[in-house]
Amino acid sequence: MIEFCHTPVLLKESIESLRIRHGYDYADCTLGAGGHSEKIAELIGEGQKLHCFDRDIEAINAAKARLARFGEKINYHHKPFSNLGTELGAQTLGGILYDLGVSSHQLDANRGFSFSGGELDMRMDAGSGENAQSYLNRISEKELTKVLKENSDLERAGRLAKCILIGKKNTAADLNAAVEEVYNNRREDLNSLKARVFQAIRMEVNSEIAEIKKSVEAAVHCLKIGGRLCIITYHSKEARAVKDALSPFEKNCLCNVNLPLCLCGGNNRKIKKVNKKPITPGTEELKKNSRSRSAALRVYERI
């Protein structure tokens, strides 16, 4: 079995924000190495369930070994977290957690998640869907330019898209070569630029923004009154997807702003923000885990 070594980000802050209570079931929509799930499982009592979602079967198998002592407390769902609403019913959960970052194992594995090496697969679920090689072999230069701009805010996106598509597209080294050619005057920034290119393509291969929006919308309906929704994001595109999906649930009135009167009844608000500003890692966590530096925790409560 492949060993997962992943330090859970904002562990203390996210678990405290989840506000685990007796008699409620919970969901960890991004199981990964099981670090957050382990702490939740320690805090819930007999008869309570923790539902764990992950598309990566390697992650589920590794987490099952780590969490074996919790037995039937945990239900594993080898499915995208966008299936949350179909797997679990309305108002069934006391809290839901998302850690949207790619796991350290996925970044370090030979699956093309990182510019450090490997074939260009990039699928969260390596057993289904289109891999990055296939995606890059069919996408147009115009489409790839848009992806690089929108997902990672990259300059020279058009030139980079052209360079990527005229070259080989089989390994991380092929993508790295394109980045080095286009940004040859920015040697000090190359690793950061490579990471952003890989992020942009990975997000498309896994339909990450659509998955986030569908899942967090379902999460609102799955929460019981008073239940908490805790979401850790790592970049602006993820954060924007979360805010766009949840914004309608924060409003009482859903009518067109041009209407002179409210026609919807004005009683539609389902969630409220618990923290006005995102919670970020403290100095000690940043020292121990440099990959936490861009993490931001947003907390909502069902009302």
Protein backbone atom coordinates (compact mmCIF):
# COMPACT_ATOMS: atom_id res chain seq x y z
CA MET A 1 0.00 0.00 0.00
CA ILE A 2 1.21 3.49 -0.86
CA GLU A 3 1.98 5.50 2.24
CA PHE A 4 0.29 8.88 2.55
CA CYS A 5 2.21 11.46 4.57
CA HIS A 6 0.16 14.62 4.73
CA THR A 7 0.00 17.24 7.46
CA PRO A 8 -3.60 18.44 7.83
CA VAL A 9 -3.80 22.20 7.36
CA LEU A 10 -5.55 24.41 9.93
CA LEU A 11 -6.48 21.28 11.89
CA LYS A 12 -7.19 22.92 15.24
CA GLU A 13 -9.02 25.86 13.70
CA SER A 14 -11.19 23.79 11.37
CA ILE A 15 -12.18 21.24 14.02
CA GLU A 16 -13.08 23.97 16.51
CA SER A 17 -15.08 25.79 13.83
CA LEU A 18 -16.94 22.59 12.93
CA ARG A 19 -18.31 22.64 16.50
CA ILE A 20 -18.84 18.90 16.83
CA ARG A 21 -21.91 18.04 18.91
CA HIS A 22 -23.41 14.87 20.33
CA GLY A 23 -26.08 13.18 18.24
CA TYR A 24 -25.09 14.62 14.85
CA ASP A 25 -23.44 13.02 11.82
CA TYR A 26 -20.61 14.74 9.94
CA ALA A 27 -18.91 14.67 6.53
CA ASP A 28 -15.31 15.15 5.45
CA CYS A 29 -15.66 15.80 1.73
CA THR A 30 -11.90 15.66 1.11
CA LEU A 31 -10.65 12.60 2.99
CA GLY A 32 -7.09 12.62 1.62
CA ALA A 33 -4.69 11.11 4.13
CA GLY A 34 -7.38 11.18 6.82
CA GLY A 35 -5.85 13.79 9.15
CA HIS A 36 -8.98 15.87 9.58
CA SER A 37 -11.19 12.77 9.60
CA GLU A 38 -9.13 11.19 12.37
CA LYS A 39 -9.74 14.15 14.67
CA ILE A 40 -13.46 14.28 13.86
CA ALA A 41 -13.80 10.54 14.49
CA GLU A 42 -12.11 10.93 17.88
CA LEU A 43 -14.67 13.55 18.89
CA ILE A 44 -17.93 11.97 17.73
CA GLY A 45 -19.66 9.43 19.98
CA GLU A 46 -21.24 6.04 19.56
CA GLY A 47 -24.07 6.02 17.05
CA GLN A 48 -22.68 9.02 15.19
CA LYS A 49 -21.33 8.65 11.66
CA LEU A 50 -18.55 10.35 9.74
CA HIS A 51 -19.01 10.25 5.95
CA CYS A 52 -15.69 10.49 4.07
CA PHE A 53 -15.50 11.31 0.35
CA ASP A 54 -12.56 10.99 -2.02
CA ARG A 55 -12.13 10.28 -5.73
CA ASP A 56 -8.67 8.83 -5.18
CA ILE A 57 -8.87 5.12 -4.28
CA GLU A 58 -5.25 5.22 -3.08
CA ALA A 59 -6.26 7.84 -0.55
CA ILE A 60 -9.27 5.85 0.63
CA ASN A 61 -7.26 2.65 1.06
CA ALA A 62 -4.53 4.45 3.00
CA ALA A 63 -7.08 6.28 5.17
CA LYS A 64 -8.93 3.04 5.92
CA ALA A 65 -5.74 1.62 7.40
CA ARG A 66 -5.11 4.77 9.43
CA LEU A 67 -8.70 4.99 10.67
CA ALA A 68 -9.38 1.26 11.16
CA ARG A 69 -9.80 1.64 14.92
CA PHE A 70 -12.96 3.69 14.40
CA GLY A 71 -14.77 0.81 12.72
CA GLU A 72 -18.37 1.48 11.76
CA LYS A 73 -18.18 5.10 12.85
CA ILE A 74 -16.89 5.88 9.35
CA ASN A 75 -18.63 5.42 6.01
CA TYR A 76 -16.32 5.70 2.98
CA HIS A 77 -17.62 7.10 -0.31
CA HIS A 78 -15.33 6.51 -3.29
CA LYS A 79 -17.05 9.26 -5.25
CA PRO A 80 -16.55 12.90 -6.21
CA PHE A 81 -17.72 15.21 -3.44
CA SER A 82 -20.20 16.66 -5.93
CA ASN A 83 -22.21 13.49 -5.13
CA LEU A 84 -22.73 14.69 -1.56
CA GLY A 85 -26.37 15.61 -2.16
CA THR A 86 -27.25 12.26 -3.72
CA GLU A 87 -25.31 10.16 -1.21
CA LEU A 88 -26.77 11.93 1.84
CA GLY A 89 -30.20 13.41 2.44
CA ALA A 90 -31.38 16.92 3.25
CA GLN A 91 -30.75 18.17 6.81
CA THR A 92 -28.86 15.04 7.87
CA LEU A 93 -25.51 16.52 8.96
CA GLY A 94 -24.24 18.60 11.85
CA GLY A 95 -21.15 19.73 9.97
CA ILE A 96 -19.25 19.42 6.71
CA LEU A 97 -15.54 20.00 6.09
CA TYR A 98 -13.65 20.67 2.85
CA ASP A 99 -9.87 20.92 2.50
CA LEU A 100 -9.63 21.77 -1.20
CA GLY A 101 -5.87 21.50 -1.53
CA VAL A 102 -4.13 18.73 -3.41
CA SER A 103 -2.57 16.29 -0.95
CA SER A 104 1.17 16.13 -0.43
CA HIS A 105 1.08 12.53 -1.65
CA GLN A 106 -0.54 13.53 -4.94
CA LEU A 107 2.01 16.29 -5.45
CA ASP A 108 4.90 13.95 -4.71
CA ALA A 109 3.57 10.89 -6.56
CA ASN A 110 4.49 10.04 -10.14
CA ARG A 111 1.10 11.12 -11.54
CA GLY A 112 1.92 14.51 -13.03
CA PHE A 113 0.28 16.69 -10.37
CA SER A 114 3.54 18.54 -9.86
CA PHE A 115 6.25 19.94 -12.09
CA SER A 116 8.72 17.72 -10.20
CA GLY A 117 8.11 14.78 -12.55
CA GLY A 118 5.91 12.03 -13.90
CA GLU A 119 3.60 11.41 -16.82
CA LEU A 120 0.80 13.91 -17.36
CA ASP A 121 -2.13 12.14 -15.76
CA MET A 122 -3.38 14.62 -13.11
CA ARG A 123 -6.66 12.77 -12.47
CA MET A 124 -7.87 12.69 -8.88
CA ASP A 125 -9.44 9.34 -9.74
CA ALA A 126 -6.74 7.58 -11.74
CA GLY A 127 -9.25 4.91 -12.79
CA SER A 128 -11.70 7.07 -14.73
CA GLY A 129 -12.03 10.14 -16.88
CA GLU A 130 -9.70 11.91 -19.28
CA ASN A 131 -6.08 12.37 -18.28
CA ALA A 132 -4.01 15.50 -18.89
CA GLN A 133 -2.22 14.03 -21.91
CA SER A 134 -5.50 13.39 -23.70
CA TYR A 135 -6.88 16.77 -22.64
CA LEU A 136 -3.87 18.66 -24.03
CA ASN A 137 -3.96 16.67 -27.27
CA ARG A 138 -7.54 17.72 -28.05
CA ILE A 139 -7.87 21.27 -26.65
CA SER A 140 -7.48 24.30 -28.93
CA GLU A 141 -4.93 27.05 -28.45
CA LYS A 142 -7.74 29.53 -27.75
CA GLU A 143 -9.27 27.28 -25.08
CA LEU A 144 -5.94 26.62 -23.39
CA THR A 145 -5.14 30.33 -23.35
CA LYS A 146 -8.41 30.96 -21.53
CA VAL A 147 -7.68 28.16 -19.03
CA LEU A 148 -4.22 29.51 -18.22
CA LYS A 149 -5.58 33.03 -17.75
CA GLU A 150 -8.68 32.19 -15.75
CA ASN A 151 -7.34 29.41 -13.52
CA SER A 152 -3.90 30.81 -12.72
CA ASP A 153 -3.89 34.42 -13.95
CA LEU A 154 -0.83 33.79 -16.11
CA GLU A 155 0.77 36.47 -18.25
CA ARG A 156 1.80 35.55 -21.81
CA ALA A 157 -0.93 32.88 -21.68
CA GLY A 158 -1.43 32.89 -25.45
CA ARG A 159 2.24 32.40 -26.19
CA LEU A 160 2.50 29.70 -23.54
CA ALA A 161 -0.57 27.85 -24.86
CA LYS A 162 0.93 27.82 -28.36
CA CYS A 163 4.28 26.58 -27.05
CA ILE A 164 2.64 23.79 -25.04
CA LEU A 165 0.48 22.58 -27.91
CA ILE A 166 3.19 22.46 -30.57
CA GLY A 167 5.50 20.42 -28.35
CA LYS A 168 5.30 16.97 -26.78
CA LYS A 169 2.64 16.68 -24.06
CA ASN A 170 3.45 13.40 -22.30
CA THR A 171 5.44 14.28 -19.19
CA ALA A 172 5.94 16.99 -16.61
CA ALA A 173 9.29 17.69 -18.27
CA ASP A 174 7.49 18.60 -21.52
CA LEU A 175 5.36 21.21 -19.75
CA ASN A 176 8.37 22.48 -17.84
CA ALA A 177 10.24 23.02 -21.12
CA ALA A 178 7.41 25.16 -22.47
CA VAL A 179 7.36 27.31 -19.34
CA GLU A 180 11.14 27.75 -19.43
CA GLU A 181 11.00 28.83 -23.07
CA VAL A 182 8.20 31.38 -22.64
CA TYR A 183 9.46 32.84 -19.36
CA ASN A 184 13.20 32.61 -20.05
CA ASN A 185 13.75 36.10 -18.61
CA ARG A 186 12.18 35.19 -15.26
CA ARG A 187 14.51 32.48 -14.03
CA GLU A 188 13.90 33.35 -10.37
CA ASP A 189 10.12 32.79 -10.76
CA LEU A 190 10.18 29.58 -12.82
CA ASN A 191 9.10 27.17 -10.08
CA SER A 192 6.17 29.37 -9.13
CA LEU A 193 5.15 29.75 -12.78
CA LYS A 194 5.40 26.00 -13.37
CA ALA A 195 3.22 25.31 -10.32
CA ARG A 196 0.57 27.70 -11.65
CA VAL A 197 0.58 26.07 -15.08
CA PHE A 198 0.14 22.60 -13.58
CA GLN A 199 -2.61 23.95 -11.31
CA ALA A 200 -4.51 25.47 -14.24
CA ILE A 201 -4.48 22.25 -16.26
CA ARG A 202 -5.21 20.00 -13.27
CA MET A 203 -8.28 22.07 -12.45
CA GLU A 204 -9.71 21.44 -15.92
CA VAL A 205 -8.87 17.74 -16.00
CA ASN A 206 -10.79 17.26 -12.74
CA SER A 207 -13.55 19.84 -13.40
CA GLU A 208 -12.63 21.27 -10.00
CA ILE A 209 -14.61 24.52 -10.09
CA ALA A 210 -17.82 22.83 -11.24
CA GLU A 211 -17.31 20.13 -8.59
CA ILE A 212 -16.83 22.74 -5.85
CA LYS A 213 -19.92 24.73 -6.80
CA LYS A 214 -22.17 21.68 -7.06
CA SER A 215 -20.93 20.23 -3.79
CA VAL A 216 -21.12 23.32 -1.58
CA GLU A 217 -24.60 24.10 -2.87
CA ALA A 218 -25.66 20.58 -1.88
CA ALA A 219 -23.88 21.00 1.46
CA VAL A 220 -26.22 23.82 2.47
CA HIS A 221 -29.22 21.53 2.01
CA CYS A 222 -27.52 18.62 3.81
CA LEU A 223 -26.88 20.66 6.97
CA LYS A 224 -29.23 20.65 9.92
CA ILE A 225 -30.14 24.02 11.42
CA GLY A 226 -27.11 25.20 13.38
CA GLY A 227 -24.78 22.94 11.40
CA ARG A 228 -21.41 24.29 10.29
CA LEU A 229 -19.80 24.37 6.85
CA CYS A 230 -16.00 24.75 6.99
CA ILE A 231 -14.07 25.23 3.74
CA ILE A 232 -10.30 25.57 3.34
CA THR A 233 -9.23 27.09 0.01
CA TYR A 234 -5.75 27.67 -1.41
CA HIS A 235 -6.12 30.12 -4.28
CA SER A 236 -8.44 32.84 -5.52
CA LYS A 237 -10.23 30.69 -8.11
CA GLU A 238 -11.32 28.20 -5.43
CA ALA A 239 -12.32 30.99 -3.06
CA ARG A 240 -14.37 32.71 -5.77
CA ALA A 241 -16.15 29.45 -6.63
CA VAL A 242 -17.11 28.97 -2.96
CA LYS A 243 -18.33 32.55 -2.57
CA ASP A 244 -20.30 32.49 -5.84
CA ALA A 245 -22.00 29.21 -4.90
CA LEU A 246 -22.92 30.31 -1.39
CA SER A 247 -23.84 33.95 -2.05
CA PRO A 248 -27.50 33.22 -3.00
CA PHE A 249 -27.98 31.32 0.27
CA GLU A 250 -26.88 34.39 2.26
CA LYS A 251 -29.67 36.57 0.82
CA ASN A 252 -33.21 36.99 2.07
CA CYS A 253 -34.48 38.33 -1.26
CA LEU A 254 -33.71 36.54 -4.52
CA CYS A 255 -35.65 38.89 -6.80
CA ASN A 256 -34.11 40.77 -9.69
CA VAL A 257 -32.54 43.98 -8.35
CA ASN A 258 -34.50 45.97 -10.95
CA LEU A 259 -37.87 44.97 -9.51
CA PRO A 260 -39.49 47.76 -7.44
CA LEU A 261 -40.93 45.26 -4.91
CA CYS A 262 -39.90 41.91 -3.49
CA LEU A 263 -41.98 39.10 -4.98
CA CYS A 264 -40.19 36.09 -3.50
CA GLY A 265 -41.29 36.60 0.10
CA GLY A 266 -37.90 37.78 1.33
CA ASN A 267 -37.30 34.81 3.62
CA ASN A 268 -34.77 32.76 1.68
CA ARG A 269 -31.59 33.13 3.73
CA LYS A 270 -30.17 29.76 4.72
CA ILE A 271 -26.62 30.47 5.92
CA LYS A 272 -24.61 33.12 7.68
CA LYS A 273 -20.87 33.75 7.87
CA VAL A 274 -19.32 32.79 11.20
CA ASN A 275 -16.00 34.53 10.50
CA LYS A 276 -16.05 37.80 8.57
CA LYS A 277 -12.46 37.29 7.45
CA PRO A 278 -10.90 33.93 6.50
CA ILE A 279 -8.83 32.19 9.18
CA THR A 280 -5.22 31.70 8.08
CA PRO A 281 -2.34 29.61 9.51
CA GLY A 282 -0.34 31.02 12.39
CA THR A 283 3.41 31.46 12.54
CA GLU A 284 4.07 28.04 14.09
CA GLU A 285 2.07 26.16 11.47
CA LEU A 286 3.80 28.05 8.66
CA LYS A 287 7.17 27.03 10.09
CA LYS A 288 6.17 23.37 10.24
CA ASN A 289 4.26 23.15 6.96
CA SER A 290 5.19 25.55 4.17
CA ARG A 291 2.39 24.18 1.98
CA SER A 292 -0.14 25.79 4.34
CA ARG A 293 0.97 29.33 3.44
CA SER A 294 -1.91 30.05 1.05
CA ALA A 295 -4.65 28.31 3.07
CA ALA A 296 -7.75 30.23 4.13
CA LEU A 297 -10.62 28.82 6.21
CA ARG A 298 -14.17 30.15 5.72
CA VAL A 299 -16.93 29.10 8.11
CA TYR A 300 -20.69 29.27 7.56
CA GLU A 301 -23.64 28.23 9.72
CA ARG A 302 -27.03 26.90 8.61
CA ILE A 303 -29.89 29.04 9.91
